[in-house]
Amino acid sequence: MTGEQTVNAGITVQILLDTFDIIGIVHYGIAGSSNDSLYIGDISVPNYVAYTGSWTLKEFRSAEENLTELKFGNFNFPEKGEDLLAMIDFTPQKLYSVGKPMEEVFWLPIDPKLFNIASKLQTYCLPETPKVVYGLRGSTADIYLDNAAYREFLFKAFNVSTVDEESAAIVMTSLSNGVPCAVFRGVSDYAGREGLLSSN
């Protein structure tokens, strides 16, 4: 286990890579579902993950707009309106890999060979067979997401199906070291949306 959240996860993976001769990383854990078609017990094996917890807080009434901006005023209650927090842009991360120039990335790709192996696995762990869904997108932030409006925003803006606190850090550390990585996330809750089954 890497511990919770991105700093612990990234540091732990780097220590393991520095200490042992590791040929690949299989990361697994729980996640919230941001996709209405994923239920508790379902497994997501994403082919991309992104760190959605790095923001640029925009100036109030900023003229720039793009599809992935989160406008706080859209979530005012009881009705939409202006909000002095304005909006945020999601910022890419700097990926430093051995022997390669730094590149800015938002989506971090999962190793295709490990993804291919993962897509062939069977499951027998629950009374009812959960879905194992391949090729979705995952989202990582140092936030335990329990907010239906933000959950819906992430799904609509980025098409992410799961939200967690470690995957992007582990994948980025793996990519930086040239080590293949695959991610498995079991849905444990609905990230703020009331689901068909209790997540308690």
N, C-alpha and C. Protein backbone atom coordinates (compact mmCIF):
# COMPACT_ATOMS: atom_id res chain seq x y z
N MET A 1 0.84 -1.18 0.00
CA MET A 1 0.00 0.00 0.00
C MET A 1 0.89 1.25 0.00
N THR A 2 0.39 2.28 -0.64
CA THR A 2 1.17 3.51 -0.78
C THR A 2 0.80 4.57 0.24
N GLY A 3 -0.25 4.37 0.99
CA GLY A 3 -0.76 5.43 1.84
C GLY A 3 -1.75 6.26 1.05
N GLU A 4 -2.44 7.15 1.74
CA GLU A 4 -3.47 7.95 1.08
C GLU A 4 -2.91 9.23 0.50
N GLN A 5 -3.50 9.65 -0.57
CA GLN A 5 -3.27 10.89 -1.28
C GLN A 5 -1.96 10.89 -2.07
N THR A 6 -1.83 11.89 -2.93
CA THR A 6 -0.82 11.87 -3.98
C THR A 6 0.63 11.93 -3.49
N VAL A 7 0.91 12.75 -2.50
CA VAL A 7 2.30 12.87 -2.04
C VAL A 7 2.78 11.54 -1.48
N ASN A 8 2.01 10.93 -0.58
CA ASN A 8 2.39 9.64 -0.02
C ASN A 8 2.54 8.58 -1.10
N ALA A 9 1.59 8.54 -2.03
CA ALA A 9 1.61 7.52 -3.08
C ALA A 9 2.84 7.68 -3.97
N GLY A 10 3.09 8.90 -4.43
CA GLY A 10 4.22 9.13 -5.32
C GLY A 10 5.56 8.84 -4.66
N ILE A 11 5.72 9.28 -3.41
CA ILE A 11 6.98 9.04 -2.69
C ILE A 11 7.19 7.55 -2.45
N THR A 12 6.13 6.85 -2.04
CA THR A 12 6.26 5.42 -1.76
C THR A 12 6.66 4.64 -3.01
N VAL A 13 6.04 4.98 -4.14
CA VAL A 13 6.39 4.29 -5.38
C VAL A 13 7.83 4.60 -5.78
N GLN A 14 8.26 5.85 -5.61
CA GLN A 14 9.64 6.19 -5.95
C GLN A 14 10.63 5.45 -5.07
N ILE A 15 10.34 5.33 -3.77
CA ILE A 15 11.22 4.57 -2.87
C ILE A 15 11.29 3.11 -3.31
N LEU A 16 10.14 2.51 -3.65
CA LEU A 16 10.14 1.12 -4.11
C LEU A 16 10.96 0.96 -5.38
N LEU A 17 10.82 1.90 -6.32
CA LEU A 17 11.56 1.82 -7.58
C LEU A 17 13.06 2.02 -7.36
N ASP A 18 13.43 2.86 -6.41
CA ASP A 18 14.84 3.09 -6.10
C ASP A 18 15.48 1.92 -5.36
N THR A 19 14.66 1.16 -4.63
CA THR A 19 15.18 0.11 -3.75
C THR A 19 15.16 -1.27 -4.40
N PHE A 20 14.14 -1.55 -5.20
CA PHE A 20 13.95 -2.89 -5.75
C PHE A 20 14.00 -2.86 -7.28
N ASP A 21 14.25 -4.01 -7.86
CA ASP A 21 14.26 -4.16 -9.31
C ASP A 21 12.84 -4.49 -9.74
N ILE A 22 12.04 -3.47 -9.99
CA ILE A 22 10.62 -3.63 -10.29
C ILE A 22 10.41 -3.56 -11.80
N ILE A 23 9.69 -4.55 -12.33
CA ILE A 23 9.46 -4.57 -13.78
C ILE A 23 8.09 -4.02 -14.16
N GLY A 24 7.22 -3.81 -13.18
CA GLY A 24 5.91 -3.25 -13.45
C GLY A 24 5.14 -3.04 -12.17
N ILE A 25 4.17 -2.14 -12.21
CA ILE A 25 3.36 -1.83 -11.03
C ILE A 25 1.90 -2.09 -11.36
N VAL A 26 1.23 -2.83 -10.47
CA VAL A 26 -0.21 -3.03 -10.55
C VAL A 26 -0.78 -2.33 -9.32
N HIS A 27 -1.47 -1.24 -9.57
CA HIS A 27 -2.04 -0.45 -8.48
C HIS A 27 -3.53 -0.74 -8.37
N TYR A 28 -4.01 -0.94 -7.15
CA TYR A 28 -5.42 -1.21 -6.95
C TYR A 28 -5.91 -0.47 -5.71
N GLY A 29 -7.18 -0.22 -5.67
CA GLY A 29 -7.78 0.44 -4.52
C GLY A 29 -9.25 0.74 -4.78
N ILE A 30 -9.81 1.57 -3.92
CA ILE A 30 -11.21 1.93 -4.06
C ILE A 30 -11.33 3.29 -4.74
N ALA A 31 -12.53 3.57 -5.21
CA ALA A 31 -12.80 4.86 -5.85
C ALA A 31 -14.27 5.17 -5.73
N GLY A 32 -14.57 6.45 -5.87
CA GLY A 32 -15.96 6.87 -6.01
C GLY A 32 -16.35 6.79 -7.47
N SER A 33 -17.61 6.50 -7.73
CA SER A 33 -18.11 6.46 -9.10
C SER A 33 -18.62 7.84 -9.49
N SER A 34 -18.12 8.35 -10.60
CA SER A 34 -18.67 9.60 -11.15
C SER A 34 -19.47 9.31 -12.42
N ASN A 35 -19.67 8.04 -12.69
CA ASN A 35 -20.38 7.58 -13.88
C ASN A 35 -21.61 6.82 -13.40
N ASP A 36 -22.79 7.27 -13.81
CA ASP A 36 -24.03 6.64 -13.33
C ASP A 36 -24.18 5.18 -13.71
N SER A 37 -23.35 4.69 -14.62
CA SER A 37 -23.46 3.28 -15.01
C SER A 37 -22.54 2.37 -14.20
N LEU A 38 -21.74 2.94 -13.27
CA LEU A 38 -20.88 2.13 -12.41
C LEU A 38 -21.49 2.07 -11.01
N TYR A 39 -21.57 0.86 -10.47
CA TYR A 39 -22.19 0.64 -9.17
C TYR A 39 -21.18 0.05 -8.18
N ILE A 40 -21.54 0.04 -6.93
CA ILE A 40 -20.68 -0.49 -5.88
C ILE A 40 -20.31 -1.93 -6.24
N GLY A 41 -19.01 -2.21 -6.18
CA GLY A 41 -18.49 -3.53 -6.52
C GLY A 41 -17.94 -3.60 -7.93
N ASP A 42 -18.38 -2.70 -8.81
CA ASP A 42 -17.85 -2.68 -10.17
C ASP A 42 -16.38 -2.28 -10.15
N ILE A 43 -15.63 -2.74 -11.12
CA ILE A 43 -14.19 -2.47 -11.21
C ILE A 43 -13.93 -1.66 -12.47
N SER A 44 -13.18 -0.60 -12.32
CA SER A 44 -12.74 0.19 -13.47
C SER A 44 -11.25 -0.07 -13.68
N VAL A 45 -10.90 -0.38 -14.92
CA VAL A 45 -9.50 -0.51 -15.32
C VAL A 45 -9.27 0.59 -16.37
N PRO A 46 -8.89 1.78 -15.91
CA PRO A 46 -8.80 2.91 -16.84
C PRO A 46 -7.59 2.79 -17.77
N ASN A 47 -7.72 3.43 -18.93
CA ASN A 47 -6.54 3.53 -19.78
C ASN A 47 -5.91 4.92 -19.70
N TYR A 48 -6.57 5.84 -19.01
CA TYR A 48 -6.00 7.16 -18.72
C TYR A 48 -6.45 7.61 -17.34
N VAL A 49 -5.57 8.30 -16.65
CA VAL A 49 -5.94 8.97 -15.40
C VAL A 49 -5.40 10.40 -15.47
N ALA A 50 -6.05 11.30 -14.76
CA ALA A 50 -5.61 12.70 -14.73
C ALA A 50 -5.65 13.20 -13.29
N TYR A 51 -4.76 14.12 -12.99
CA TYR A 51 -4.77 14.78 -11.69
C TYR A 51 -5.64 16.03 -11.82
N THR A 52 -6.85 15.96 -11.29
CA THR A 52 -7.79 17.07 -11.42
C THR A 52 -7.83 17.95 -10.17
N GLY A 53 -6.80 17.85 -9.35
CA GLY A 53 -6.74 18.67 -8.14
C GLY A 53 -5.77 19.83 -8.25
N SER A 54 -5.27 20.10 -9.44
CA SER A 54 -4.36 21.23 -9.65
C SER A 54 -5.11 22.29 -10.45
N TRP A 55 -5.37 23.41 -9.82
CA TRP A 55 -6.22 24.43 -10.41
C TRP A 55 -5.49 25.76 -10.54
N THR A 56 -5.91 26.56 -11.48
CA THR A 56 -5.55 27.97 -11.58
C THR A 56 -6.81 28.75 -11.25
N LEU A 57 -6.80 29.48 -10.15
CA LEU A 57 -7.96 30.27 -9.76
C LEU A 57 -8.00 31.52 -10.61
N LYS A 58 -9.03 31.64 -11.44
CA LYS A 58 -9.14 32.73 -12.40
C LYS A 58 -9.64 34.01 -11.72
N GLU A 59 -9.31 35.11 -12.33
CA GLU A 59 -9.75 36.41 -11.86
C GLU A 59 -11.27 36.53 -12.00
N PHE A 60 -11.89 37.22 -11.04
CA PHE A 60 -13.33 37.44 -11.10
C PHE A 60 -13.69 38.11 -12.42
N ARG A 61 -14.71 37.58 -13.09
CA ARG A 61 -15.19 38.05 -14.39
C ARG A 61 -14.12 37.94 -15.48
N SER A 62 -13.32 36.92 -15.41
CA SER A 62 -12.32 36.67 -16.42
C SER A 62 -13.01 36.41 -17.76
N ALA A 63 -12.45 36.96 -18.82
CA ALA A 63 -13.07 36.83 -20.14
C ALA A 63 -12.80 35.48 -20.79
N GLU A 64 -11.67 34.82 -20.43
CA GLU A 64 -11.34 33.53 -21.04
C GLU A 64 -12.33 32.47 -20.60
N GLU A 65 -12.69 31.62 -21.55
CA GLU A 65 -13.58 30.50 -21.23
C GLU A 65 -13.19 29.29 -22.05
N ASN A 66 -13.30 28.12 -21.45
CA ASN A 66 -13.16 26.88 -22.20
C ASN A 66 -14.06 25.83 -21.56
N LEU A 67 -14.21 24.71 -22.20
CA LEU A 67 -15.18 23.70 -21.76
C LEU A 67 -14.87 23.10 -20.40
N THR A 68 -13.61 23.09 -20.01
CA THR A 68 -13.26 22.42 -18.75
C THR A 68 -13.12 23.39 -17.58
N GLU A 69 -13.60 24.61 -17.74
CA GLU A 69 -13.58 25.54 -16.62
C GLU A 69 -14.74 25.23 -15.67
N LEU A 70 -14.45 25.30 -14.40
CA LEU A 70 -15.47 25.10 -13.38
C LEU A 70 -15.88 26.49 -12.91
N LYS A 71 -17.10 26.90 -13.25
CA LYS A 71 -17.61 28.22 -12.86
C LYS A 71 -18.40 28.06 -11.57
N PHE A 72 -17.88 28.60 -10.49
CA PHE A 72 -18.53 28.44 -9.19
C PHE A 72 -19.94 29.00 -9.17
N GLY A 73 -20.17 30.09 -9.91
CA GLY A 73 -21.50 30.70 -9.94
C GLY A 73 -22.58 29.78 -10.45
N ASN A 74 -22.19 28.78 -11.28
CA ASN A 74 -23.17 27.82 -11.79
C ASN A 74 -23.72 26.92 -10.70
N PHE A 75 -23.07 26.93 -9.54
CA PHE A 75 -23.48 26.04 -8.45
C PHE A 75 -24.03 26.80 -7.25
N ASN A 76 -24.29 28.11 -7.42
CA ASN A 76 -24.89 28.88 -6.33
C ASN A 76 -26.26 28.32 -6.00
N PHE A 77 -26.63 28.45 -4.74
CA PHE A 77 -27.93 27.97 -4.29
C PHE A 77 -28.66 29.13 -3.64
N PRO A 78 -29.87 29.41 -3.92
CA PRO A 78 -30.85 28.56 -4.59
C PRO A 78 -30.86 28.71 -6.11
N GLU A 79 -30.13 29.67 -6.68
CA GLU A 79 -30.13 29.79 -8.13
C GLU A 79 -28.76 30.23 -8.61
N LYS A 80 -28.49 30.00 -9.90
CA LYS A 80 -27.21 30.37 -10.48
C LYS A 80 -27.02 31.88 -10.41
N GLY A 81 -25.76 32.31 -10.33
CA GLY A 81 -25.46 33.74 -10.32
C GLY A 81 -23.98 33.96 -10.21
N GLU A 82 -23.57 35.22 -10.03
CA GLU A 82 -22.16 35.52 -9.90
C GLU A 82 -21.62 35.05 -8.55
N ASP A 83 -20.34 34.73 -8.55
CA ASP A 83 -19.68 34.28 -7.35
C ASP A 83 -18.28 34.87 -7.37
N LEU A 84 -17.85 35.49 -6.29
CA LEU A 84 -16.54 36.14 -6.26
C LEU A 84 -15.39 35.16 -6.42
N LEU A 85 -15.63 33.88 -6.22
CA LEU A 85 -14.57 32.90 -6.47
C LEU A 85 -14.33 32.72 -7.96
N ALA A 86 -15.22 33.22 -8.78
CA ALA A 86 -15.10 33.20 -10.24
C ALA A 86 -15.07 31.77 -10.77
N MET A 87 -13.92 31.33 -11.31
CA MET A 87 -13.83 30.00 -11.90
C MET A 87 -12.39 29.51 -11.82
N ILE A 88 -12.23 28.23 -12.12
CA ILE A 88 -10.88 27.65 -12.10
C ILE A 88 -10.61 26.95 -13.41
N ASP A 89 -9.35 26.91 -13.79
CA ASP A 89 -8.88 26.09 -14.90
C ASP A 89 -8.13 24.91 -14.31
N PHE A 90 -8.26 23.76 -14.91
CA PHE A 90 -7.50 22.60 -14.49
C PHE A 90 -6.15 22.66 -15.20
N THR A 91 -5.07 22.53 -14.46
CA THR A 91 -3.74 22.71 -15.04
C THR A 91 -3.06 21.38 -15.29
N PRO A 92 -2.31 21.30 -16.40
CA PRO A 92 -1.54 20.09 -16.67
C PRO A 92 -0.36 19.97 -15.70
N GLN A 93 0.18 18.77 -15.64
CA GLN A 93 1.33 18.50 -14.78
C GLN A 93 2.60 18.41 -15.63
N LYS A 94 3.73 18.65 -15.01
CA LYS A 94 5.01 18.52 -15.69
C LYS A 94 5.52 17.09 -15.46
N LEU A 95 5.72 16.37 -16.55
CA LEU A 95 6.19 14.99 -16.48
C LEU A 95 7.66 14.95 -16.88
N TYR A 96 8.49 14.52 -15.95
CA TYR A 96 9.92 14.36 -16.19
C TYR A 96 10.21 12.88 -16.28
N SER A 97 10.69 12.43 -17.42
CA SER A 97 11.01 11.02 -17.63
C SER A 97 12.49 10.88 -17.96
N VAL A 98 13.05 9.76 -17.54
CA VAL A 98 14.47 9.50 -17.79
C VAL A 98 14.73 9.53 -19.29
N GLY A 99 15.70 10.36 -19.69
CA GLY A 99 16.12 10.43 -21.09
C GLY A 99 15.18 11.18 -22.01
N LYS A 100 14.17 11.86 -21.46
CA LYS A 100 13.22 12.59 -22.30
C LYS A 100 13.09 14.01 -21.78
N PRO A 101 12.77 14.96 -22.67
CA PRO A 101 12.54 16.32 -22.20
C PRO A 101 11.24 16.39 -21.40
N MET A 102 11.14 17.39 -20.52
CA MET A 102 9.93 17.60 -19.75
C MET A 102 8.77 17.85 -20.71
N GLU A 103 7.62 17.26 -20.37
CA GLU A 103 6.43 17.56 -21.16
C GLU A 103 5.27 17.84 -20.23
N GLU A 104 4.38 18.74 -20.66
CA GLU A 104 3.18 19.01 -19.89
C GLU A 104 2.10 18.03 -20.31
N VAL A 105 1.49 17.37 -19.33
CA VAL A 105 0.47 16.38 -19.61
C VAL A 105 -0.73 16.60 -18.70
N PHE A 106 -1.88 16.30 -19.21
CA PHE A 106 -3.08 16.26 -18.37
C PHE A 106 -3.47 14.80 -18.18
N TRP A 107 -3.65 14.09 -19.28
CA TRP A 107 -3.99 12.66 -19.21
C TRP A 107 -2.71 11.84 -19.19
N LEU A 108 -2.63 10.94 -18.23
CA LEU A 108 -1.49 10.05 -18.09
C LEU A 108 -1.89 8.68 -18.62
N PRO A 109 -1.21 8.16 -19.64
CA PRO A 109 -1.61 6.88 -20.23
C PRO A 109 -1.17 5.70 -19.36
N ILE A 110 -2.01 4.69 -19.31
CA ILE A 110 -1.69 3.44 -18.64
C ILE A 110 -0.88 2.60 -19.63
N ASP A 111 0.08 1.83 -19.12
CA ASP A 111 0.90 1.00 -19.99
C ASP A 111 0.01 0.06 -20.80
N PRO A 112 0.12 0.07 -22.14
CA PRO A 112 -0.79 -0.73 -22.97
C PRO A 112 -0.64 -2.24 -22.77
N LYS A 113 0.57 -2.74 -22.51
CA LYS A 113 0.73 -4.18 -22.31
C LYS A 113 0.04 -4.64 -21.03
N LEU A 114 0.25 -3.89 -19.92
CA LEU A 114 -0.42 -4.27 -18.68
C LEU A 114 -1.93 -4.07 -18.77
N PHE A 115 -2.36 -3.04 -19.49
CA PHE A 115 -3.79 -2.83 -19.69
C PHE A 115 -4.39 -4.01 -20.45
N ASN A 116 -3.69 -4.52 -21.45
CA ASN A 116 -4.16 -5.66 -22.22
C ASN A 116 -4.29 -6.90 -21.33
N ILE A 117 -3.30 -7.14 -20.47
CA ILE A 117 -3.37 -8.29 -19.55
C ILE A 117 -4.56 -8.12 -18.60
N ALA A 118 -4.71 -6.91 -18.05
CA ALA A 118 -5.80 -6.64 -17.11
C ALA A 118 -7.17 -6.86 -17.75
N SER A 119 -7.29 -6.54 -19.03
CA SER A 119 -8.58 -6.66 -19.69
C SER A 119 -9.02 -8.11 -19.89
N LYS A 120 -8.13 -9.06 -19.62
CA LYS A 120 -8.46 -10.47 -19.81
C LYS A 120 -8.75 -11.20 -18.50
N LEU A 121 -8.70 -10.50 -17.37
CA LEU A 121 -8.91 -11.13 -16.07
C LEU A 121 -10.38 -11.40 -15.81
N GLN A 122 -10.67 -12.44 -15.05
CA GLN A 122 -12.02 -12.81 -14.65
C GLN A 122 -12.21 -12.41 -13.19
N THR A 123 -13.47 -12.32 -12.75
CA THR A 123 -13.75 -12.01 -11.35
C THR A 123 -14.78 -12.98 -10.78
N TYR A 124 -14.57 -13.35 -9.52
CA TYR A 124 -15.49 -14.24 -8.82
C TYR A 124 -15.64 -13.82 -7.36
N CYS A 125 -15.50 -12.53 -7.06
CA CYS A 125 -15.36 -12.11 -5.67
C CYS A 125 -16.66 -11.72 -4.97
N LEU A 126 -17.75 -11.50 -5.66
CA LEU A 126 -19.00 -11.07 -5.03
C LEU A 126 -20.12 -12.04 -5.37
N PRO A 127 -21.19 -12.07 -4.54
CA PRO A 127 -22.33 -12.95 -4.85
C PRO A 127 -22.90 -12.70 -6.24
N GLU A 128 -22.97 -11.43 -6.63
CA GLU A 128 -23.37 -11.09 -7.99
C GLU A 128 -22.12 -10.59 -8.69
N THR A 129 -21.92 -11.05 -9.89
CA THR A 129 -20.72 -10.67 -10.61
C THR A 129 -20.75 -9.19 -10.95
N PRO A 130 -19.77 -8.43 -10.46
CA PRO A 130 -19.73 -7.01 -10.82
C PRO A 130 -19.23 -6.86 -12.25
N LYS A 131 -19.47 -5.67 -12.76
CA LYS A 131 -18.92 -5.37 -14.08
C LYS A 131 -17.45 -5.03 -13.90
N VAL A 132 -16.64 -5.48 -14.81
CA VAL A 132 -15.27 -5.02 -14.91
C VAL A 132 -15.22 -4.25 -16.22
N VAL A 133 -14.99 -2.95 -16.11
CA VAL A 133 -15.08 -2.06 -17.27
C VAL A 133 -13.69 -1.55 -17.62
N TYR A 134 -13.32 -1.70 -18.87
CA TYR A 134 -11.98 -1.35 -19.33
C TYR A 134 -12.01 -0.09 -20.20
N GLY A 135 -10.94 0.68 -20.11
CA GLY A 135 -10.76 1.79 -21.03
C GLY A 135 -11.45 3.08 -20.65
N LEU A 136 -11.90 3.20 -19.41
CA LEU A 136 -12.51 4.45 -18.96
C LEU A 136 -11.41 5.42 -18.53
N ARG A 137 -11.81 6.57 -18.04
CA ARG A 137 -10.86 7.56 -17.53
C ARG A 137 -11.07 7.71 -16.02
N GLY A 138 -9.95 7.88 -15.32
CA GLY A 138 -10.00 8.08 -13.88
C GLY A 138 -9.50 9.47 -13.52
N SER A 139 -9.93 9.94 -12.37
CA SER A 139 -9.57 11.27 -11.88
C SER A 139 -8.97 11.14 -10.49
N THR A 140 -7.88 11.86 -10.24
CA THR A 140 -7.22 11.86 -8.94
C THR A 140 -7.12 13.27 -8.41
N ALA A 141 -7.38 13.44 -7.12
CA ALA A 141 -7.19 14.71 -6.44
C ALA A 141 -7.03 14.43 -4.95
N ASP A 142 -6.42 15.34 -4.24
CA ASP A 142 -6.28 15.20 -2.79
C ASP A 142 -7.56 15.66 -2.11
N ILE A 143 -8.67 15.12 -2.59
CA ILE A 143 -10.00 15.48 -2.10
C ILE A 143 -10.81 14.19 -2.01
N TYR A 144 -11.45 13.97 -0.87
CA TYR A 144 -12.44 12.89 -0.80
C TYR A 144 -13.73 13.50 -1.34
N LEU A 145 -14.14 13.08 -2.51
CA LEU A 145 -15.27 13.70 -3.18
C LEU A 145 -16.59 13.15 -2.66
N ASP A 146 -17.40 14.04 -2.09
CA ASP A 146 -18.72 13.70 -1.59
C ASP A 146 -19.67 14.84 -1.97
N ASN A 147 -19.68 15.20 -3.25
CA ASN A 147 -20.46 16.34 -3.72
C ASN A 147 -21.01 16.00 -5.11
N ALA A 148 -22.32 15.85 -5.19
CA ALA A 148 -22.95 15.41 -6.44
C ALA A 148 -22.73 16.40 -7.58
N ALA A 149 -22.75 17.70 -7.31
CA ALA A 149 -22.59 18.69 -8.37
C ALA A 149 -21.18 18.63 -8.97
N TYR A 150 -20.15 18.53 -8.11
CA TYR A 150 -18.78 18.46 -8.62
C TYR A 150 -18.54 17.12 -9.32
N ARG A 151 -19.11 16.06 -8.80
CA ARG A 151 -19.04 14.74 -9.43
C ARG A 151 -19.58 14.81 -10.86
N GLU A 152 -20.76 15.43 -11.01
CA GLU A 152 -21.37 15.57 -12.33
C GLU A 152 -20.52 16.44 -13.26
N PHE A 153 -19.94 17.51 -12.70
CA PHE A 153 -19.06 18.37 -13.50
C PHE A 153 -17.87 17.57 -14.04
N LEU A 154 -17.21 16.79 -13.18
CA LEU A 154 -16.05 16.01 -13.63
C LEU A 154 -16.43 15.04 -14.75
N PHE A 155 -17.59 14.40 -14.61
CA PHE A 155 -18.01 13.47 -15.65
C PHE A 155 -18.29 14.20 -16.96
N LYS A 156 -19.01 15.32 -16.89
CA LYS A 156 -19.36 16.05 -18.11
C LYS A 156 -18.15 16.72 -18.76
N ALA A 157 -17.27 17.32 -17.95
CA ALA A 157 -16.14 18.07 -18.50
C ALA A 157 -15.02 17.16 -18.99
N PHE A 158 -14.75 16.07 -18.26
CA PHE A 158 -13.59 15.24 -18.56
C PHE A 158 -13.93 13.79 -18.89
N ASN A 159 -15.20 13.41 -18.77
CA ASN A 159 -15.62 12.04 -19.04
C ASN A 159 -14.90 11.03 -18.13
N VAL A 160 -14.70 11.41 -16.86
CA VAL A 160 -14.07 10.49 -15.92
C VAL A 160 -15.15 9.63 -15.26
N SER A 161 -14.83 8.38 -15.02
CA SER A 161 -15.79 7.45 -14.44
C SER A 161 -15.52 7.16 -12.98
N THR A 162 -14.28 7.36 -12.52
CA THR A 162 -13.96 7.13 -11.12
C THR A 162 -13.13 8.29 -10.58
N VAL A 163 -13.25 8.51 -9.28
CA VAL A 163 -12.47 9.54 -8.59
C VAL A 163 -11.75 8.89 -7.41
N ASP A 164 -10.46 9.18 -7.29
CA ASP A 164 -9.68 8.61 -6.20
C ASP A 164 -8.62 9.61 -5.75
N GLU A 165 -7.74 9.19 -4.85
CA GLU A 165 -6.74 10.09 -4.29
C GLU A 165 -5.30 9.68 -4.57
N GLU A 166 -5.05 8.66 -5.40
CA GLU A 166 -3.67 8.22 -5.60
C GLU A 166 -3.27 7.85 -7.03
N SER A 167 -4.18 7.38 -7.86
CA SER A 167 -3.81 6.76 -9.14
C SER A 167 -2.91 7.61 -10.02
N ALA A 168 -3.24 8.88 -10.22
CA ALA A 168 -2.43 9.72 -11.11
C ALA A 168 -1.00 9.87 -10.58
N ALA A 169 -0.82 9.96 -9.27
CA ALA A 169 0.53 10.08 -8.71
C ALA A 169 1.34 8.81 -8.97
N ILE A 170 0.72 7.67 -8.85
CA ILE A 170 1.41 6.40 -9.08
C ILE A 170 1.75 6.25 -10.56
N VAL A 171 0.81 6.58 -11.44
CA VAL A 171 1.07 6.47 -12.87
C VAL A 171 2.15 7.47 -13.29
N MET A 172 2.10 8.69 -12.76
CA MET A 172 3.11 9.68 -13.14
C MET A 172 4.50 9.24 -12.66
N THR A 173 4.60 8.72 -11.45
CA THR A 173 5.89 8.24 -10.95
C THR A 173 6.39 7.08 -11.80
N SER A 174 5.49 6.19 -12.18
CA SER A 174 5.86 5.06 -13.04
C SER A 174 6.35 5.55 -14.40
N LEU A 175 5.59 6.47 -15.01
CA LEU A 175 5.99 7.02 -16.31
C LEU A 175 7.35 7.70 -16.23
N SER A 176 7.57 8.46 -15.16
CA SER A 176 8.84 9.18 -14.98
C SER A 176 10.03 8.23 -14.93
N ASN A 177 9.81 7.03 -14.41
CA ASN A 177 10.88 6.05 -14.28
C ASN A 177 10.89 5.02 -15.40
N GLY A 178 9.98 5.15 -16.35
CA GLY A 178 9.94 4.21 -17.46
C GLY A 178 9.48 2.82 -17.06
N VAL A 179 8.65 2.72 -16.01
CA VAL A 179 8.16 1.44 -15.52
C VAL A 179 6.68 1.32 -15.88
N PRO A 180 6.26 0.22 -16.49
CA PRO A 180 4.84 0.07 -16.84
C PRO A 180 3.96 0.00 -15.61
N CYS A 181 2.73 0.48 -15.76
CA CYS A 181 1.79 0.53 -14.63
C CYS A 181 0.38 0.27 -15.14
N ALA A 182 -0.41 -0.45 -14.36
CA ALA A 182 -1.84 -0.64 -14.61
C ALA A 182 -2.59 -0.30 -13.33
N VAL A 183 -3.83 0.16 -13.48
CA VAL A 183 -4.64 0.61 -12.34
C VAL A 183 -5.96 -0.14 -12.33
N PHE A 184 -6.36 -0.61 -11.15
CA PHE A 184 -7.66 -1.23 -10.91
C PHE A 184 -8.33 -0.45 -9.79
N ARG A 185 -9.55 0.00 -9.99
CA ARG A 185 -10.27 0.72 -8.94
C ARG A 185 -11.65 0.12 -8.77
N GLY A 186 -11.94 -0.33 -7.53
CA GLY A 186 -13.25 -0.87 -7.21
C GLY A 186 -14.15 0.23 -6.67
N VAL A 187 -15.35 0.31 -7.19
CA VAL A 187 -16.28 1.36 -6.77
C VAL A 187 -16.77 1.06 -5.36
N SER A 188 -16.54 2.02 -4.45
CA SER A 188 -16.95 1.86 -3.06
C SER A 188 -18.04 2.85 -2.65
N ASP A 189 -18.25 3.89 -3.46
CA ASP A 189 -19.26 4.89 -3.14
C ASP A 189 -19.62 5.66 -4.42
N TYR A 190 -20.57 6.57 -4.29
CA TYR A 190 -21.06 7.31 -5.45
C TYR A 190 -20.61 8.77 -5.48
N ALA A 191 -19.60 9.11 -4.73
CA ALA A 191 -18.98 10.45 -4.77
C ALA A 191 -20.00 11.57 -4.56
N GLY A 192 -20.98 11.35 -3.71
CA GLY A 192 -21.94 12.38 -3.39
C GLY A 192 -23.32 12.16 -3.96
N ARG A 193 -23.45 11.29 -4.94
CA ARG A 193 -24.76 10.99 -5.51
C ARG A 193 -25.37 9.82 -4.75
N GLU A 194 -26.66 9.89 -4.51
CA GLU A 194 -27.32 8.77 -3.88
C GLU A 194 -27.48 7.66 -4.91
N GLY A 195 -27.03 6.47 -4.54
CA GLY A 195 -27.06 5.36 -5.49
C GLY A 195 -28.17 4.39 -5.19
N LEU A 196 -28.21 3.35 -6.00
CA LEU A 196 -29.22 2.31 -5.83
C LEU A 196 -28.91 1.43 -4.63
N LEU A 197 -27.63 1.23 -4.36
CA LEU A 197 -27.21 0.45 -3.20
C LEU A 197 -26.52 1.37 -2.22
N SER A 198 -26.69 1.13 -0.96
CA SER A 198 -26.02 1.96 0.05
C SER A 198 -24.52 1.75 -0.03
N SER A 199 -23.75 2.84 0.16
CA SER A 199 -22.30 2.71 0.18
C SER A 199 -21.78 2.62 1.60
N ASN A 200 -22.67 2.45 2.58
CA ASN A 200 -22.24 2.34 3.98
C ASN A 200 -22.10 0.89 4.39
